[in-house]
Amino acid sequence: MFKGKNYEITQKNIFGHELVGLEVEVIESTDKNKKGMKGIVVDETKNVLTIEAGKQEKKVPKKEAVFEFALGSEKARVDGEKICFRPEDRIKIFWRSF
């Protein structure tokens, strides 16, 4: 669980939160060069996560990867196909389902 001042990100509600700023690791990918990449999410579009790995920014297509986000002491594994929405649409869809 990752707690902020007015919010809490957990494995169950990660789809309804901003991913920018979270630590991430690419667990699986169809591109062997991207598998195992670790860093901080610095940008998100409908189809791509941009990860700052070291001093470089690398773009990882969501559809071809499985991501693991660090939420404090917990980890949340997310199939990239499930988050292939514009960030603002993904968040709306998630919170409307409640």
Protein backbone atom coordinates (compact mmCIF):
# COMPACT_ATOMS: atom_id res chain seq x y z
CA MET A 1 0.00 0.00 0.00
CA PHE A 2 1.22 3.49 -0.87
CA LYS A 3 -0.22 6.28 1.23
CA GLY A 4 -0.24 9.93 0.36
CA LYS A 5 -1.75 12.78 2.31
CA ASN A 6 -5.28 12.29 0.97
CA TYR A 7 -5.14 8.99 -0.89
CA GLU A 8 -4.10 5.37 -0.68
CA ILE A 9 -2.97 3.22 -3.61
CA THR A 10 -3.42 -0.53 -3.20
CA GLN A 11 -3.22 -3.57 -5.47
CA LYS A 12 -7.00 -3.45 -5.93
CA ASN A 13 -7.37 0.22 -6.84
CA ILE A 14 -4.15 0.93 -8.76
CA PHE A 15 -6.16 1.13 -12.01
CA GLY A 16 -7.94 4.19 -10.62
CA HIS A 17 -4.83 6.15 -9.71
CA GLU A 18 -2.12 8.13 -11.43
CA LEU A 19 0.87 5.93 -12.34
CA VAL A 20 3.32 8.79 -12.91
CA GLY A 21 5.82 8.89 -10.05
CA LEU A 22 5.52 5.23 -9.10
CA GLU A 23 8.46 2.83 -9.15
CA VAL A 24 7.98 0.15 -11.79
CA GLU A 25 9.67 -2.94 -13.17
CA VAL A 26 8.90 -4.61 -16.49
CA ILE A 27 8.32 -8.25 -15.52
CA GLU A 28 7.44 -9.64 -18.96
CA SER A 29 7.74 -8.15 -22.44
CA THR A 30 7.73 -9.32 -26.02
CA ASP A 31 10.85 -7.14 -26.43
CA LYS A 32 13.68 -8.90 -24.61
CA ASN A 33 15.55 -5.58 -24.17
CA LYS A 34 12.76 -4.16 -22.05
CA LYS A 35 12.31 -7.15 -19.73
CA GLY A 36 13.76 -6.40 -16.30
CA MET A 37 13.84 -2.63 -16.84
CA LYS A 38 13.35 -0.71 -13.58
CA GLY A 39 12.72 2.92 -12.90
CA ILE A 40 10.17 5.64 -12.22
CA VAL A 41 7.16 6.29 -14.45
CA VAL A 42 7.62 9.84 -15.80
CA ASP A 43 4.87 9.91 -18.43
CA GLU A 44 1.86 7.89 -19.53
CA THR A 45 -0.12 7.96 -22.76
CA LYS A 46 -2.86 5.68 -24.04
CA ASN A 47 -0.41 3.07 -25.32
CA VAL A 48 2.96 3.83 -23.71
CA LEU A 49 4.60 4.19 -20.30
CA THR A 50 7.76 6.28 -20.26
CA ILE A 51 10.16 5.04 -17.61
CA GLU A 52 13.20 6.91 -16.35
CA ALA A 53 15.82 4.19 -16.03
CA GLY A 54 19.02 5.72 -14.76
CA LYS A 55 19.58 8.91 -16.74
CA GLN A 56 17.63 7.70 -19.78
CA GLU A 57 13.93 7.73 -20.54
CA LYS A 58 12.67 4.55 -22.17
CA LYS A 59 9.26 4.03 -23.74
CA VAL A 60 7.50 0.73 -23.12
CA PRO A 61 4.33 -0.14 -25.06
CA LYS A 62 1.64 -1.19 -22.60
CA LYS A 63 0.19 -3.96 -24.78
CA GLU A 64 3.43 -5.93 -24.91
CA ALA A 65 4.36 -5.89 -21.23
CA VAL A 66 3.45 -6.88 -17.69
CA PHE A 67 4.44 -4.30 -15.08
CA GLU A 68 5.08 -4.57 -11.35
CA PHE A 69 4.54 -1.36 -9.40
CA ALA A 70 6.08 -0.82 -5.96
CA LEU A 71 3.48 0.39 -3.47
CA GLY A 72 5.53 0.82 -0.35
CA SER A 73 6.19 -2.70 0.96
CA GLU A 74 3.67 -4.25 -1.47
CA LYS A 75 3.90 -4.95 -5.18
CA ALA A 76 1.08 -4.72 -7.72
CA ARG A 77 1.39 -6.74 -10.91
CA VAL A 78 -0.52 -5.21 -13.83
CA ASP A 79 -1.04 -6.59 -17.32
CA GLY A 80 -0.38 -3.71 -19.70
CA GLU A 81 -3.41 -4.58 -21.83
CA LYS A 82 -5.69 -3.77 -18.89
CA ILE A 83 -4.38 -0.20 -18.68
CA CYS A 84 -4.44 0.63 -22.41
CA PHE A 85 -6.55 3.73 -21.97
CA ARG A 86 -5.72 7.39 -21.77
CA PRO A 87 -4.88 7.96 -18.10
CA GLU A 88 -7.86 10.26 -17.52
CA ASP A 89 -10.25 7.76 -19.15
CA ARG A 90 -8.82 4.80 -17.22
CA ILE A 91 -9.34 6.62 -13.94
CA LYS A 92 -12.93 7.63 -14.83
CA ILE A 93 -13.84 4.11 -15.90
CA PHE A 94 -12.43 2.62 -12.69
CA TRP A 95 -14.18 5.00 -10.31
CA ARG A 96 -17.50 4.79 -12.15
CA SER A 97 -17.52 1.03 -11.64
CA PHE A 98 -17.92 1.54 -7.87
